[in-house]
């Protein structure tokens, strides 16, 4: 089971996207678990839940460099979600991007 974790200011807006992504994963029977969390809990969540991919909401893209500096040593792919995919709540496209990141990281 691959774990894709989304982070934003409070974890609220990404919760909807995470839910859309999970629905797509379930539809295609992908062994993926998608969850959203507040940015302030990122380090703790990533280590505790052993994330396979970290996605940041566009509104917290300023924290990308910090995330890479803090968690980069773990070798987990980290990216900022495309703002148009985020705005359209395009769970399928964001999921495809995350799965691709995980595969390329092997």
PDB file of N, CA and C in Angstrom:
ATOM      1  N   UNK A   1       0.854  -1.191   0.000  1.00  0.00           N
ATOM      2  CA  UNK A   1       0.000   0.000   0.000  1.00  0.00           C
ATOM      3  C   UNK A   1       0.889   1.241   0.000  1.00  0.00           C
ATOM      4  N   UNK A   2       0.780   2.049  -1.061  1.00  0.00           N
ATOM      5  CA  UNK A   2       1.552   3.289  -1.148  1.00  0.00           C
ATOM      6  C   UNK A   2       0.774   4.405  -0.457  1.00  0.00           C
ATOM      7  N   UNK A   3       1.503   5.251   0.256  1.00  0.00           N
ATOM      8  CA  UNK A   3       0.866   6.325   1.011  1.00  0.00           C
ATOM      9  C   UNK A   3       1.218   7.679   0.404  1.00  0.00           C
ATOM     10  N   UNK A   4       0.187   8.377  -0.064  1.00  0.00           N
ATOM     11  CA  UNK A   4       0.344   9.708  -0.638  1.00  0.00           C
ATOM     12  C   UNK A   4      -0.250  10.683   0.363  1.00  0.00           C
ATOM     13  N   UNK A   5       0.571  11.626   0.813  1.00  0.00           N
ATOM     14  CA  UNK A   5       0.112  12.575   1.826  1.00  0.00           C
ATOM     15  C   UNK A   5       0.148  13.998   1.288  1.00  0.00           C
ATOM     16  N   UNK A   6      -0.972  14.689   1.445  1.00  0.00           N
ATOM     17  CA  UNK A   6      -1.128  16.065   1.001  1.00  0.00           C
ATOM     18  C   UNK A   6      -1.097  16.982   2.212  1.00  0.00           C
ATOM     19  N   UNK A   7      -0.471  18.132   2.031  1.00  0.00           N
ATOM     20  CA  UNK A   7      -0.378  19.097   3.122  1.00  0.00           C
ATOM     21  C   UNK A   7      -0.775  20.484   2.626  1.00  0.00           C
ATOM     22  N   UNK A   8      -1.563  21.198   3.447  1.00  0.00           N
ATOM     23  CA  UNK A   8      -1.896  22.598   3.161  1.00  0.00           C
ATOM     24  C   UNK A   8      -2.022  23.319   4.494  1.00  0.00           C
ATOM     25  N   UNK A   9      -2.418  24.568   4.453  1.00  0.00           N
ATOM     26  CA  UNK A   9      -2.463  25.384   5.670  1.00  0.00           C
ATOM     27  C   UNK A   9      -3.128  24.656   6.837  1.00  0.00           C
ATOM     28  N   UNK A  10      -4.378  24.247   6.630  1.00  0.00           N
ATOM     29  CA  UNK A  10      -5.093  23.581   7.718  1.00  0.00           C
ATOM     30  C   UNK A  10      -5.479  22.146   7.373  1.00  0.00           C
ATOM     31  N   UNK A  11      -5.231  21.735   6.141  1.00  0.00           N
ATOM     32  CA  UNK A  11      -5.602  20.382   5.728  1.00  0.00           C
ATOM     33  C   UNK A  11      -7.051  20.271   5.274  1.00  0.00           C
ATOM     34  N   UNK A  12      -7.730  21.406   5.184  1.00  0.00           N
ATOM     35  CA  UNK A  12      -9.152  21.382   4.837  1.00  0.00           C
ATOM     36  C   UNK A  12      -9.364  21.269   3.326  1.00  0.00           C
ATOM     37  N   UNK A  13      -8.820  22.194   2.564  1.00  0.00           N
ATOM     38  CA  UNK A  13      -9.058  22.173   1.117  1.00  0.00           C
ATOM     39  C   UNK A  13      -8.416  20.951   0.471  1.00  0.00           C
ATOM     40  N   UNK A  14      -7.290  20.511   1.004  1.00  0.00           N
ATOM     41  CA  UNK A  14      -6.656  19.325   0.435  1.00  0.00           C
ATOM     42  C   UNK A  14      -7.435  18.062   0.789  1.00  0.00           C
ATOM     43  N   UNK A  15      -8.252  18.109   1.825  1.00  0.00           N
ATOM     44  CA  UNK A  15      -9.051  16.938   2.194  1.00  0.00           C
ATOM     45  C   UNK A  15      -9.997  16.543   1.066  1.00  0.00           C
ATOM     46  N   UNK A  16     -10.585  17.540   0.428  1.00  0.00           N
ATOM     47  CA  UNK A  16     -11.494  17.283  -0.683  1.00  0.00           C
ATOM     48  C   UNK A  16     -10.734  16.658  -1.855  1.00  0.00           C
ATOM     49  N   UNK A  17      -9.565  17.201  -2.168  1.00  0.00           N
ATOM     50  CA  UNK A  17      -8.753  16.655  -3.248  1.00  0.00           C
ATOM     51  C   UNK A  17      -8.285  15.239  -2.908  1.00  0.00           C
ATOM     52  N   UNK A  18      -7.868  15.030  -1.671  1.00  0.00           N
ATOM     53  CA  UNK A  18      -7.416  13.706  -1.234  1.00  0.00           C
ATOM     54  C   UNK A  18      -8.555  12.694  -1.381  1.00  0.00           C
ATOM     55  N   UNK A  19      -9.761  13.106  -1.044  1.00  0.00           N
ATOM     56  CA  UNK A  19     -10.932  12.245  -1.165  1.00  0.00           C
ATOM     57  C   UNK A  19     -11.186  11.894  -2.635  1.00  0.00           C
ATOM     58  N   UNK A  20     -11.082  12.888  -3.526  1.00  0.00           N
ATOM     59  CA  UNK A  20     -11.242  12.652  -4.963  1.00  0.00           C
ATOM     60  C   UNK A  20     -10.186  11.671  -5.459  1.00  0.00           C
ATOM     61  N   UNK A  21      -8.940  11.870  -5.017  1.00  0.00           N
ATOM     62  CA  UNK A  21      -7.841  11.000  -5.428  1.00  0.00           C
ATOM     63  C   UNK A  21      -8.081   9.570  -4.945  1.00  0.00           C
ATOM     64  N   UNK A  22      -8.560   9.426  -3.709  1.00  0.00           N
ATOM     65  CA  UNK A  22      -8.823   8.108  -3.145  1.00  0.00           C
ATOM     66  C   UNK A  22      -9.939   7.411  -3.926  1.00  0.00           C
ATOM     67  N   UNK A  23     -10.963   8.166  -4.315  1.00  0.00           N
ATOM     68  CA  UNK A  23     -12.060   7.600  -5.111  1.00  0.00           C
ATOM     69  C   UNK A  23     -11.536   7.043  -6.434  1.00  0.00           C
ATOM     70  N   UNK A  24     -10.637   7.798  -7.082  1.00  0.00           N
ATOM     71  CA  UNK A  24     -10.051   7.349  -8.354  1.00  0.00           C
ATOM     72  C   UNK A  24      -9.211   6.090  -8.120  1.00  0.00           C
ATOM     73  N   UNK A  25      -8.405   6.109  -7.062  1.00  0.00           N
ATOM     74  CA  UNK A  25      -7.560   4.951  -6.737  1.00  0.00           C
ATOM     75  C   UNK A  25      -8.424   3.713  -6.491  1.00  0.00           C
ATOM     76  N   UNK A  26      -9.518   3.879  -5.772  1.00  0.00           N
ATOM     77  CA  UNK A  26     -10.426   2.768  -5.479  1.00  0.00           C
ATOM     78  C   UNK A  26     -11.078   2.250  -6.762  1.00  0.00           C
ATOM     79  N   UNK A  27     -11.476   3.190  -7.619  1.00  0.00           N
ATOM     80  CA  UNK A  27     -12.124   2.835  -8.884  1.00  0.00           C
ATOM     81  C   UNK A  27     -11.210   1.941  -9.735  1.00  0.00           C
ATOM     82  N   UNK A  28      -9.920   2.260  -9.757  1.00  0.00           N
ATOM     83  CA  UNK A  28      -8.962   1.497 -10.551  1.00  0.00           C
ATOM     84  C   UNK A  28      -8.252   0.409  -9.733  1.00  0.00           C
ATOM     85  N   UNK A  29      -8.743   0.207  -8.511  1.00  0.00           N
ATOM     86  CA  UNK A  29      -8.182  -0.811  -7.601  1.00  0.00           C
ATOM     87  C   UNK A  29      -6.669  -0.655  -7.404  1.00  0.00           C
ATOM     88  N   UNK A  30      -6.254   0.583  -7.210  1.00  0.00           N
ATOM     89  CA  UNK A  30      -4.831   0.864  -6.956  1.00  0.00           C
ATOM     90  C   UNK A  30      -4.557   0.736  -5.457  1.00  0.00           C
ATOM     91  N   UNK A  31      -3.443   0.106  -5.089  1.00  0.00           N
ATOM     92  CA  UNK A  31      -3.111  -0.042  -3.662  1.00  0.00           C
ATOM     93  C   UNK A  31      -2.513   1.252  -3.108  1.00  0.00           C
ATOM     94  N   UNK A  32      -3.386   2.261  -2.995  1.00  0.00           N
ATOM     95  CA  UNK A  32      -2.944   3.594  -2.596  1.00  0.00           C
ATOM     96  C   UNK A  32      -3.839   4.118  -1.476  1.00  0.00           C
ATOM     97  N   UNK A  33      -3.206   4.826  -0.536  1.00  0.00           N
ATOM     98  CA  UNK A  33      -3.942   5.479   0.551  1.00  0.00           C
ATOM     99  C   UNK A  33      -3.608   6.968   0.459  1.00  0.00           C
ATOM    100  N   UNK A  34      -4.625   7.799   0.290  1.00  0.00           N
ATOM    101  CA  UNK A  34      -4.416   9.240   0.146  1.00  0.00           C
ATOM    102  C   UNK A  34      -5.030   9.945   1.352  1.00  0.00           C
ATOM    103  N   UNK A  35      -4.214  10.761   2.030  1.00  0.00           N
ATOM    104  CA  UNK A  35      -4.711  11.499   3.196  1.00  0.00           C
ATOM    105  C   UNK A  35      -4.188  12.933   3.155  1.00  0.00           C
ATOM    106  N   UNK A  36      -4.924  13.834   3.797  1.00  0.00           N
ATOM    107  CA  UNK A  36      -4.531  15.239   3.872  1.00  0.00           C
ATOM    108  C   UNK A  36      -4.320  15.650   5.331  1.00  0.00           C
ATOM    109  N   UNK A  37      -3.345  16.536   5.526  1.00  0.00           N
ATOM    110  CA  UNK A  37      -2.990  16.986   6.874  1.00  0.00           C
ATOM    111  C   UNK A  37      -2.609  18.465   6.860  1.00  0.00           C
ATOM    112  N   UNK A  38      -2.662  19.111   8.034  1.00  0.00           N
ATOM    113  CA  UNK A  38      -2.167  20.488   8.136  1.00  0.00           C
ATOM    114  C   UNK A  38      -0.646  20.506   7.953  1.00  0.00           C
ATOM    115  N   UNK A  39      -0.148  21.537   7.314  1.00  0.00           N
ATOM    116  CA  UNK A  39       1.289  21.676   7.059  1.00  0.00           C
ATOM    117  C   UNK A  39       2.120  21.574   8.340  1.00  0.00           C
ATOM    118  N   UNK A  40       1.584  22.103   9.433  1.00  0.00           N
ATOM    119  CA  UNK A  40       2.326  22.116  10.697  1.00  0.00           C
ATOM    120  C   UNK A  40       2.655  20.718  11.222  1.00  0.00           C
ATOM    121  N   UNK A  41       1.972  19.697  10.699  1.00  0.00           N
ATOM    122  CA  UNK A  41       2.193  18.330  11.186  1.00  0.00           C
ATOM    123  C   UNK A  41       3.048  17.495  10.215  1.00  0.00           C
ATOM    124  N   UNK A  42       3.566  18.119   9.162  1.00  0.00           N
ATOM    125  CA  UNK A  42       4.226  17.372   8.092  1.00  0.00           C
ATOM    126  C   UNK A  42       5.346  16.449   8.559  1.00  0.00           C
ATOM    127  N   UNK A  43       6.301  16.979   9.286  1.00  0.00           N
ATOM    128  CA  UNK A  43       7.452  16.172   9.692  1.00  0.00           C
ATOM    129  C   UNK A  43       7.011  14.944  10.495  1.00  0.00           C
ATOM    130  N   UNK A  44       6.129  15.165  11.433  1.00  0.00           N
ATOM    131  CA  UNK A  44       5.613  14.106  12.300  1.00  0.00           C
ATOM    132  C   UNK A  44       4.844  13.048  11.482  1.00  0.00           C
ATOM    133  N   UNK A  45       3.940  13.495  10.604  1.00  0.00           N
ATOM    134  CA  UNK A  45       3.124  12.584   9.788  1.00  0.00           C
ATOM    135  C   UNK A  45       3.993  11.740   8.859  1.00  0.00           C
ATOM    136  N   UNK A  46       4.936  12.397   8.177  1.00  0.00           N
ATOM    137  CA  UNK A  46       5.784  11.701   7.206  1.00  0.00           C
ATOM    138  C   UNK A  46       6.586  10.589   7.870  1.00  0.00           C
ATOM    139  N   UNK A  47       7.130  10.880   9.040  1.00  0.00           N
ATOM    140  CA  UNK A  47       7.942   9.877   9.743  1.00  0.00           C
ATOM    141  C   UNK A  47       7.070   8.776  10.356  1.00  0.00           C
ATOM    142  N   UNK A  48       5.948   9.175  10.942  1.00  0.00           N
ATOM    143  CA  UNK A  48       5.061   8.227  11.611  1.00  0.00           C
ATOM    144  C   UNK A  48       4.345   7.304  10.632  1.00  0.00           C
ATOM    145  N   UNK A  49       3.805   7.892   9.560  1.00  0.00           N
ATOM    146  CA  UNK A  49       2.994   7.124   8.612  1.00  0.00           C
ATOM    147  C   UNK A  49       3.805   6.609   7.424  1.00  0.00           C
ATOM    148  N   UNK A  50       5.092   6.954   7.370  1.00  0.00           N
ATOM    149  CA  UNK A  50       5.987   6.493   6.304  1.00  0.00           C
ATOM    150  C   UNK A  50       5.435   6.803   4.911  1.00  0.00           C
ATOM    151  N   UNK A  51       5.338   8.094   4.615  1.00  0.00           N
ATOM    152  CA  UNK A  51       4.839   8.572   3.321  1.00  0.00           C
ATOM    153  C   UNK A  51       5.692   8.041   2.171  1.00  0.00           C
ATOM    154  N   UNK A  52       5.026   7.772   1.038  1.00  0.00           N
ATOM    155  CA  UNK A  52       5.736   7.401  -0.186  1.00  0.00           C
ATOM    156  C   UNK A  52       5.813   8.586  -1.137  1.00  0.00           C
ATOM    157  N   UNK A  53       4.974   9.603  -0.886  1.00  0.00           N
ATOM    158  CA  UNK A  53       4.941  10.792  -1.726  1.00  0.00           C
ATOM    159  C   UNK A  53       4.341  11.932  -0.901  1.00  0.00           C
ATOM    160  N   UNK A  54       4.965  13.118  -1.001  1.00  0.00           N
ATOM    161  CA  UNK A  54       4.494  14.294  -0.276  1.00  0.00           C
ATOM    162  C   UNK A  54       4.059  15.331  -1.309  1.00  0.00           C
ATOM    163  N   UNK A  55       2.804  15.771  -1.203  1.00  0.00           N
ATOM    164  CA  UNK A  55       2.293  16.802  -2.103  1.00  0.00           C
ATOM    165  C   UNK A  55       1.857  18.013  -1.277  1.00  0.00           C
ATOM    166  N   UNK A  56       2.297  19.180  -1.710  1.00  0.00           N
ATOM    167  CA  UNK A  56       1.955  20.421  -1.011  1.00  0.00           C
ATOM    168  C   UNK A  56       0.894  21.173  -1.802  1.00  0.00           C
ATOM    169  N   UNK A  57      -0.093  21.702  -1.110  1.00  0.00           N
ATOM    170  CA  UNK A  57      -1.103  22.530  -1.770  1.00  0.00           C
ATOM    171  C   UNK A  57      -0.442  23.784  -2.317  1.00  0.00           C
ATOM    172  N   UNK A  58      -0.955  24.323  -3.442  1.00  0.00           N
ATOM    173  CA  UNK A  58      -0.343  25.506  -4.055  1.00  0.00           C
ATOM    174  C   UNK A  58      -0.231  26.696  -3.099  1.00  0.00           C
ATOM    175  N   UNK A  59      -1.174  26.781  -2.144  1.00  0.00           N
ATOM    176  CA  UNK A  59      -1.160  27.916  -1.211  1.00  0.00           C
ATOM    177  C   UNK A  59      -0.011  27.843  -0.197  1.00  0.00           C
ATOM    178  N   UNK A  60       0.665  26.689  -0.112  1.00  0.00           N
ATOM    179  CA  UNK A  60       1.807  26.572   0.810  1.00  0.00           C
ATOM    180  C   UNK A  60       3.095  26.230   0.050  1.00  0.00           C
ATOM    181  N   UNK A  61       3.138  26.602  -1.241  1.00  0.00           N
ATOM    182  CA  UNK A  61       4.325  26.262  -2.031  1.00  0.00           C
ATOM    183  C   UNK A  61       5.585  26.927  -1.476  1.00  0.00           C
ATOM    184  N   UNK A  62       5.402  27.990  -0.702  1.00  0.00           N
ATOM    185  CA  UNK A  62       6.544  28.652  -0.061  1.00  0.00           C
ATOM    186  C   UNK A  62       7.295  27.700   0.873  1.00  0.00           C
ATOM    187  N   UNK A  63       6.629  26.639   1.311  1.00  0.00           N
ATOM    188  CA  UNK A  63       7.250  25.712   2.266  1.00  0.00           C
ATOM    189  C   UNK A  63       7.990  24.554   1.574  1.00  0.00           C
ATOM    190  N   UNK A  64       8.014  24.565   0.236  1.00  0.00           N
ATOM    191  CA  UNK A  64       8.665  23.480  -0.515  1.00  0.00           C
ATOM    192  C   UNK A  64      10.141  23.331  -0.124  1.00  0.00           C
ATOM    193  N   UNK A  65      10.884  24.434  -0.151  1.00  0.00           N
ATOM    194  CA  UNK A  65      12.320  24.369   0.167  1.00  0.00           C
ATOM    195  C   UNK A  65      12.565  23.856   1.584  1.00  0.00           C
ATOM    196  N   UNK A  66      11.726  24.269   2.510  1.00  0.00           N
ATOM    197  CA  UNK A  66      11.842  23.812   3.894  1.00  0.00           C
ATOM    198  C   UNK A  66      11.569  22.314   3.971  1.00  0.00           C
ATOM    199  N   UNK A  67      10.540  21.864   3.246  1.00  0.00           N
ATOM    200  CA  UNK A  67      10.202  20.435   3.238  1.00  0.00           C
ATOM    201  C   UNK A  67      11.370  19.615   2.701  1.00  0.00           C
ATOM    202  N   UNK A  68      11.974  20.085   1.609  1.00  0.00           N
ATOM    203  CA  UNK A  68      13.112  19.373   1.017  1.00  0.00           C
ATOM    204  C   UNK A  68      14.300  19.377   1.989  1.00  0.00           C
ATOM    205  N   UNK A  69      14.544  20.522   2.630  1.00  0.00           N
ATOM    206  CA  UNK A  69      15.658  20.620   3.579  1.00  0.00           C
ATOM    207  C   UNK A  69      15.446  19.732   4.802  1.00  0.00           C
ATOM    208  N   UNK A  70      14.205  19.668   5.268  1.00  0.00           N
ATOM    209  CA  UNK A  70      13.885  18.905   6.478  1.00  0.00           C
ATOM    210  C   UNK A  70      13.738  17.409   6.228  1.00  0.00           C
ATOM    211  N   UNK A  71      13.119  17.049   5.097  1.00  0.00           N
ATOM    212  CA  UNK A  71      12.762  15.649   4.854  1.00  0.00           C
ATOM    213  C   UNK A  71      13.447  15.020   3.644  1.00  0.00           C
ATOM    214  N   UNK A  72      14.220  15.804   2.919  1.00  0.00           N
ATOM    215  CA  UNK A  72      14.872  15.314   1.710  1.00  0.00           C
ATOM    216  C   UNK A  72      15.734  14.086   1.925  1.00  0.00           C
ATOM    217  N   UNK A  73      16.371  14.007   3.092  1.00  0.00           N
ATOM    218  CA  UNK A  73      17.251  12.868   3.388  1.00  0.00           C
ATOM    219  C   UNK A  73      16.509  11.537   3.390  1.00  0.00           C
ATOM    220  N   UNK A  74      15.175  11.573   3.516  1.00  0.00           N
ATOM    221  CA  UNK A  74      14.379  10.349   3.538  1.00  0.00           C
ATOM    222  C   UNK A  74      14.195   9.764   2.132  1.00  0.00           C
ATOM    223  N   UNK A  75      14.496  10.572   1.107  1.00  0.00           N
ATOM    224  CA  UNK A  75      14.377  10.088  -0.264  1.00  0.00           C
ATOM    225  C   UNK A  75      12.949   9.974  -0.768  1.00  0.00           C
ATOM    226  N   UNK A  76      12.029  10.701  -0.150  1.00  0.00           N
ATOM    227  CA  UNK A  76      10.616  10.684  -0.551  1.00  0.00           C
ATOM    228  C   UNK A  76      10.395  11.814  -1.554  1.00  0.00           C
ATOM    229  N   UNK A  77       9.729  11.517  -2.689  1.00  0.00           N
ATOM    230  CA  UNK A  77       9.457  12.611  -3.641  1.00  0.00           C
ATOM    231  C   UNK A  77       8.515  13.654  -3.030  1.00  0.00           C
ATOM    232  N   UNK A  78       8.860  14.932  -3.270  1.00  0.00           N
ATOM    233  CA  UNK A  78       8.091  16.059  -2.738  1.00  0.00           C
ATOM    234  C   UNK A  78       7.775  16.988  -3.907  1.00  0.00           C
ATOM    235  N   UNK A  79       6.520  17.417  -4.015  1.00  0.00           N
ATOM    236  CA  UNK A  79       6.146  18.331  -5.092  1.00  0.00           C
ATOM    237  C   UNK A  79       5.012  19.239  -4.643  1.00  0.00           C
ATOM    238  N   UNK A  80       4.861  20.341  -5.385  1.00  0.00           N
ATOM    239  CA  UNK A  80       3.736  21.251  -5.164  1.00  0.00           C
ATOM    240  C   UNK A  80       2.680  20.862  -6.194  1.00  0.00           C
ATOM    241  N   UNK A  81       1.439  20.728  -5.752  1.00  0.00           N
ATOM    242  CA  UNK A  81       0.339  20.368  -6.647  1.00  0.00           C
ATOM    243  C   UNK A  81       0.103  21.504  -7.640  1.00  0.00           C
ATOM    244  N   UNK A  82      -0.047  21.149  -8.903  1.00  0.00           N
ATOM    245  CA  UNK A  82      -0.335  22.135  -9.946  1.00  0.00           C
ATOM    246  C   UNK A  82      -1.588  22.927  -9.565  1.00  0.00           C
ATOM    247  N   UNK A  83      -1.473  24.260  -9.613  1.00  0.00           N
ATOM    248  CA  UNK A  83      -2.586  25.078  -9.108  1.00  0.00           C
ATOM    249  C   UNK A  83      -3.864  24.918  -9.926  1.00  0.00           C
ATOM    250  N   UNK A  84      -3.768  24.655 -11.235  1.00  0.00           N
ATOM    251  CA  UNK A  84      -5.008  24.483 -12.004  1.00  0.00           C
ATOM    252  C   UNK A  84      -5.652  23.127 -11.696  1.00  0.00           C
ATOM    253  N   UNK A  85      -4.834  22.077 -11.524  1.00  0.00           N
ATOM    254  CA  UNK A  85      -5.384  20.769 -11.132  1.00  0.00           C
ATOM    255  C   UNK A  85      -6.015  20.870  -9.753  1.00  0.00           C
ATOM    256  N   UNK A  86      -5.374  21.654  -8.888  1.00  0.00           N
ATOM    257  CA  UNK A  86      -5.882  21.853  -7.530  1.00  0.00           C
ATOM    258  C   UNK A  86      -7.220  22.606  -7.574  1.00  0.00           C
ATOM    259  N   UNK A  87      -7.229  23.681  -8.342  1.00  0.00           N
ATOM    260  CA  UNK A  87      -8.442  24.502  -8.456  1.00  0.00           C
ATOM    261  C   UNK A  87      -9.620  23.733  -9.029  1.00  0.00           C
ATOM    262  N   UNK A  88      -9.333  22.825  -9.966  1.00  0.00           N
ATOM    263  CA  UNK A  88     -10.380  22.015 -10.592  1.00  0.00           C
ATOM    264  C   UNK A  88     -10.675  20.754  -9.771  1.00  0.00           C
ATOM    265  N   UNK A  89      -9.913  20.560  -8.679  1.00  0.00           N
ATOM    266  CA  UNK A  89     -10.032  19.364  -7.842  1.00  0.00           C
ATOM    267  C   UNK A  89      -9.909  18.103  -8.715  1.00  0.00           C
ATOM    268  N   UNK A  90      -8.925  18.122  -9.623  1.00  0.00           N
ATOM    269  CA  UNK A  90      -8.710  17.024 -10.565  1.00  0.00           C
ATOM    270  C   UNK A  90      -7.936  15.894  -9.883  1.00  0.00           C
ATOM    271  N   UNK A  91      -8.658  15.098  -9.104  1.00  0.00           N
ATOM    272  CA  UNK A  91      -8.049  14.007  -8.345  1.00  0.00           C
ATOM    273  C   UNK A  91      -7.321  13.007  -9.217  1.00  0.00           C
ATOM    274  N   UNK A  92      -7.864  12.734 -10.396  1.00  0.00           N
ATOM    275  CA  UNK A  92      -7.242  11.742 -11.278  1.00  0.00           C
ATOM    276  C   UNK A  92      -5.865  12.208 -11.751  1.00  0.00           C
ATOM    277  N   UNK A  93      -5.771  13.461 -12.177  1.00  0.00           N
ATOM    278  CA  UNK A  93      -4.499  13.978 -12.686  1.00  0.00           C
ATOM    279  C   UNK A  93      -3.455  14.068 -11.568  1.00  0.00           C
ATOM    280  N   UNK A  94      -3.866  14.541 -10.407  1.00  0.00           N
ATOM    281  CA  UNK A  94      -2.931  14.664  -9.290  1.00  0.00           C
ATOM    282  C   UNK A  94      -2.475  13.268  -8.833  1.00  0.00           C
ATOM    283  N   UNK A  95      -3.396  12.305  -8.830  1.00  0.00           N
ATOM    284  CA  UNK A  95      -3.035  10.929  -8.466  1.00  0.00           C
ATOM    285  C   UNK A  95      -2.023  10.355  -9.453  1.00  0.00           C
ATOM    286  N   UNK A  96      -2.266  10.572 -10.751  1.00  0.00           N
ATOM    287  CA  UNK A  96      -1.329  10.081 -11.778  1.00  0.00           C
ATOM    288  C   UNK A  96       0.057  10.667 -11.559  1.00  0.00           C
ATOM    289  N   UNK A  97       0.115  11.958 -11.259  1.00  0.00           N
ATOM    290  CA  UNK A  97       1.387  12.625 -11.002  1.00  0.00           C
ATOM    291  C   UNK A  97       2.086  11.989  -9.807  1.00  0.00           C
ATOM    292  N   UNK A  98       1.340  11.751  -8.732  1.00  0.00           N
ATOM    293  CA  UNK A  98       1.917  11.163  -7.513  1.00  0.00           C
ATOM    294  C   UNK A  98       2.431   9.739  -7.769  1.00  0.00           C
ATOM    295  N   UNK A  99       1.644   8.931  -8.466  1.00  0.00           N
ATOM    296  CA  UNK A  99       2.042   7.563  -8.768  1.00  0.00           C
ATOM    297  C   UNK A  99       3.323   7.563  -9.619  1.00  0.00           C
ATOM    298  N   UNK A 100       3.369   8.475 -10.589  1.00  0.00           N
ATOM    299  CA  UNK A 100       4.557   8.601 -11.448  1.00  0.00           C
ATOM    300  C   UNK A 100       5.790   8.970 -10.602  1.00  0.00           C
ATOM    301  N   UNK A 101       5.605   9.892  -9.676  1.00  0.00           N
ATOM    302  CA  UNK A 101       6.706  10.306  -8.796  1.00  0.00           C
ATOM    303  C   UNK A 101       7.224   9.123  -7.971  1.00  0.00           C
ATOM    304  N   UNK A 102       6.304   8.317  -7.460  1.00  0.00           N
ATOM    305  CA  UNK A 102       6.680   7.154  -6.648  1.00  0.00           C
ATOM    306  C   UNK A 102       7.449   6.152  -7.507  1.00  0.00           C
ATOM    307  N   UNK A 103       6.947   5.874  -8.718  1.00  0.00           N
ATOM    308  CA  UNK A 103       7.614   4.921  -9.612  1.00  0.00           C
ATOM    309  C   UNK A 103       9.007   5.394  -9.993  1.00  0.00           C
ATOM    310  N   UNK A 104       9.145   6.692 -10.309  1.00  0.00           N
ATOM    311  CA  UNK A 104      10.444   7.233 -10.718  1.00  0.00           C
ATOM    312  C   UNK A 104      11.431   7.291  -9.557  1.00  0.00           C
ATOM    313  N   UNK A 105      10.921   7.220  -8.354  1.00  0.00           N
ATOM    314  CA  UNK A 105      11.769   7.325  -7.160  1.00  0.00           C
ATOM    315  C   UNK A 105      12.408   5.989  -6.766  1.00  0.00           C
ATOM    316  N   UNK A 106      11.959   4.905  -7.370  1.00  0.00           N
ATOM    317  CA  UNK A 106      12.486   3.566  -6.999  1.00  0.00           C
ATOM    318  C   UNK A 106      13.954   3.423  -7.350  1.00  0.00           C
TER     319      UNK A 106
END
